[in-house]
Amino acid sequence: MRAVIQRVSEASVSIDNEIVSAIDTGILIFLGIEIDDTTADSIWLANKIAHLRIFSDEKGRMNNSILDIDEEVIVVSQFTLHAKTKKGNRPSYIKSAKPEQAIPLYRQFKEDLSKLISREICSGKFGADMQVSLINDGPVTIIIDTKNKE
């Protein structure tokens, strides 16, 4: 699994010009699921994100996690995070999981993260043409890949 995590002061997801999810302060996660991903990847990634210290404390240092500030999360599926661009100019998505594999893992990730932060996870709609609006706070953007646990 590959995630692009953005600390936001607000974010929303729209489908056909209708807002389906919106948050104020929190995290926007773009989640790409690869054909080799498993529930173990979901659990590891959810735990990593829940404890990621990217929010400011009272001294202005990034010492707080989403658990500490008790704010919201939006997860948006994005298969294009696994684009391969080595050859030519047209990205290949051969490593991206097909919907029959990706949808259950996407739901599992949302459930795993929801349990950790004790709140419902907002989301877009898997496979839909979505418009995502956000104000990146900081800006803070972090990329995590379960195949490259740095």
Protein backbone atom coordinates (compact mmCIF):
# COMPACT_ATOMS: atom_id res chain seq x y z
CA MET A 1 0.00 0.00 0.00
CA ARG A 2 1.15 3.47 -0.75
CA ALA A 3 -0.25 6.52 1.00
CA VAL A 4 0.18 10.22 0.46
CA ILE A 5 -0.70 11.86 3.77
CA GLN A 6 -1.45 15.55 3.92
CA ARG A 7 -2.08 17.58 7.04
CA VAL A 8 -5.01 19.81 6.18
CA SER A 9 -6.92 22.71 7.68
CA GLU A 10 -9.85 21.58 5.53
CA ALA A 11 -10.58 19.03 2.83
CA SER A 12 -13.55 17.74 0.88
CA VAL A 13 -14.44 15.17 -1.74
CA SER A 14 -17.09 15.85 -4.38
CA ILE A 15 -18.71 13.55 -6.91
CA ASP A 16 -20.85 15.08 -9.68
CA ASN A 17 -20.57 18.50 -7.99
CA GLU A 18 -21.97 17.14 -4.71
CA ILE A 19 -19.81 17.08 -1.58
CA VAL A 20 -19.77 13.52 -0.20
CA SER A 21 -17.21 14.07 2.58
CA ALA A 22 -15.69 17.08 4.27
CA ILE A 23 -13.45 17.75 7.26
CA ASP A 24 -11.80 20.67 8.95
CA THR A 25 -8.43 20.13 10.67
CA GLY A 26 -7.11 16.62 10.14
CA ILE A 27 -5.52 14.32 7.60
CA LEU A 28 -6.29 13.65 3.96
CA ILE A 29 -4.96 10.28 2.82
CA PHE A 30 -4.66 9.25 -0.82
CA LEU A 31 -4.41 5.44 -0.74
CA GLY A 32 -3.08 3.25 -3.54
CA ILE A 33 -3.39 -0.52 -3.29
CA GLU A 34 -0.98 -2.79 -5.09
CA ILE A 35 -1.54 -6.38 -6.22
CA ASP A 36 0.84 -7.74 -3.54
CA ASP A 37 -0.85 -5.92 -0.63
CA THR A 38 -2.42 -7.83 2.25
CA THR A 39 -4.33 -7.15 5.45
CA ALA A 40 -0.94 -7.04 7.22
CA ASP A 41 -0.07 -4.00 5.07
CA SER A 42 -3.35 -2.37 6.05
CA ILE A 43 -2.75 -2.91 9.76
CA TRP A 44 0.84 -1.65 9.60
CA LEU A 45 -0.07 1.44 7.57
CA ALA A 46 -3.07 2.36 9.73
CA ASN A 47 -0.93 2.08 12.86
CA LYS A 48 1.85 4.17 11.32
CA ILE A 49 -0.53 6.93 10.24
CA ALA A 50 -2.45 6.99 13.54
CA HIS A 51 0.80 7.58 15.45
CA LEU A 52 2.49 9.88 12.92
CA ARG A 53 3.47 13.06 14.78
CA ILE A 54 2.70 15.76 12.24
CA PHE A 55 0.56 18.17 14.28
CA SER A 56 1.95 21.03 16.32
CA ASP A 57 2.09 20.98 20.09
CA GLU A 58 1.78 24.05 22.33
CA LYS A 59 5.39 25.01 21.43
CA GLY A 60 4.73 24.82 17.69
CA ARG A 61 6.73 21.61 17.23
CA MET A 62 5.34 18.66 15.29
CA ASN A 63 4.93 16.34 18.29
CA ASN A 64 1.24 15.42 18.13
CA SER A 65 -0.49 12.69 16.19
CA ILE A 66 -4.10 12.53 15.03
CA LEU A 67 -4.71 10.60 18.27
CA ASP A 68 -3.50 13.58 20.31
CA ILE A 69 -5.57 16.22 18.57
CA ASP A 70 -8.70 14.08 18.01
CA GLU A 71 -9.46 15.42 14.54
CA GLU A 72 -10.88 13.88 11.37
CA VAL A 73 -9.52 11.83 8.47
CA ILE A 74 -10.57 11.48 4.84
CA VAL A 75 -9.32 8.50 2.80
CA VAL A 76 -9.47 8.67 -0.99
CA SER A 77 -8.65 5.67 -3.18
CA GLN A 78 -6.08 6.49 -5.83
CA PHE A 79 -4.76 3.67 -8.00
CA THR A 80 -2.54 6.13 -9.88
CA LEU A 81 -0.14 6.17 -6.91
CA HIS A 82 1.26 2.94 -8.35
CA ALA A 83 1.88 4.37 -11.83
CA LYS A 84 5.00 3.12 -13.55
CA THR A 85 6.61 5.75 -15.79
CA LYS A 86 9.90 4.12 -16.77
CA LYS A 87 8.97 3.54 -20.40
CA GLY A 88 7.36 6.11 -22.65
CA ASN A 89 5.00 8.85 -21.59
CA ARG A 90 1.89 6.84 -20.81
CA PRO A 91 1.87 5.56 -17.20
CA SER A 92 1.32 1.86 -16.64
CA TYR A 93 -0.89 0.74 -13.74
CA ILE A 94 -0.07 -2.94 -13.99
CA LYS A 95 0.92 -3.14 -10.29
CA SER A 96 -2.32 -1.51 -9.10
CA ALA A 97 -4.78 -3.97 -7.59
CA LYS A 98 -7.98 -4.68 -9.49
CA PRO A 99 -11.22 -3.59 -7.78
CA GLU A 100 -12.12 -7.11 -6.60
CA GLN A 101 -8.91 -7.12 -4.52
CA ALA A 102 -8.57 -3.41 -3.82
CA ILE A 103 -12.07 -2.67 -2.52
CA PRO A 104 -11.91 -5.12 0.42
CA LEU A 105 -8.41 -3.84 1.36
CA TYR A 106 -9.56 -0.22 1.06
CA ARG A 107 -12.46 -0.97 3.40
CA GLN A 108 -10.14 -2.90 5.72
CA PHE A 109 -7.73 0.04 5.92
CA LYS A 110 -10.56 2.43 6.79
CA GLU A 111 -11.77 0.01 9.48
CA ASP A 112 -8.26 -0.51 10.89
CA LEU A 113 -7.63 3.24 11.09
CA SER A 114 -11.10 3.92 12.51
CA LYS A 115 -10.50 1.47 15.36
CA LEU A 116 -7.16 3.08 16.19
CA ILE A 117 -8.40 6.66 16.27
CA SER A 118 -11.86 5.81 17.68
CA ARG A 119 -13.81 7.73 15.09
CA GLU A 120 -15.44 7.20 11.74
CA ILE A 121 -13.29 7.71 8.67
CA CYS A 122 -14.66 9.94 5.92
CA SER A 123 -14.04 8.87 2.35
CA GLY A 124 -14.75 9.31 -1.28
CA LYS A 125 -16.28 6.53 -3.36
CA PHE A 126 -13.99 3.81 -4.63
CA GLY A 127 -13.58 4.01 -8.41
CA ALA A 128 -15.61 7.22 -8.80
CA ASP A 129 -14.46 10.31 -10.66
CA MET A 130 -13.83 12.53 -7.64
CA GLN A 131 -12.82 16.11 -7.16
CA VAL A 132 -10.71 16.62 -4.05
CA SER A 133 -10.29 20.05 -2.52
CA LEU A 134 -7.87 20.76 0.27
CA ILE A 135 -5.91 23.35 2.09
CA ASN A 136 -2.60 21.71 2.95
CA ASP A 137 -1.55 22.98 6.36
CA GLY A 138 2.17 23.69 6.57
CA PRO A 139 2.43 22.36 3.91
CA VAL A 140 2.94 18.90 5.36
CA THR A 141 2.91 15.99 2.91
CA ILE A 142 4.35 12.58 3.71
CA ILE A 143 4.55 9.49 1.50
CA ILE A 144 4.55 6.03 3.08
CA ASP A 145 4.90 2.74 1.21
CA THR A 146 4.41 -0.55 3.05
CA LYS A 147 6.94 -2.16 0.70
CA ASN A 148 9.59 0.36 1.75
CA LYS A 149 9.30 0.76 5.53
CA GLU A 150 11.80 3.55 6.15
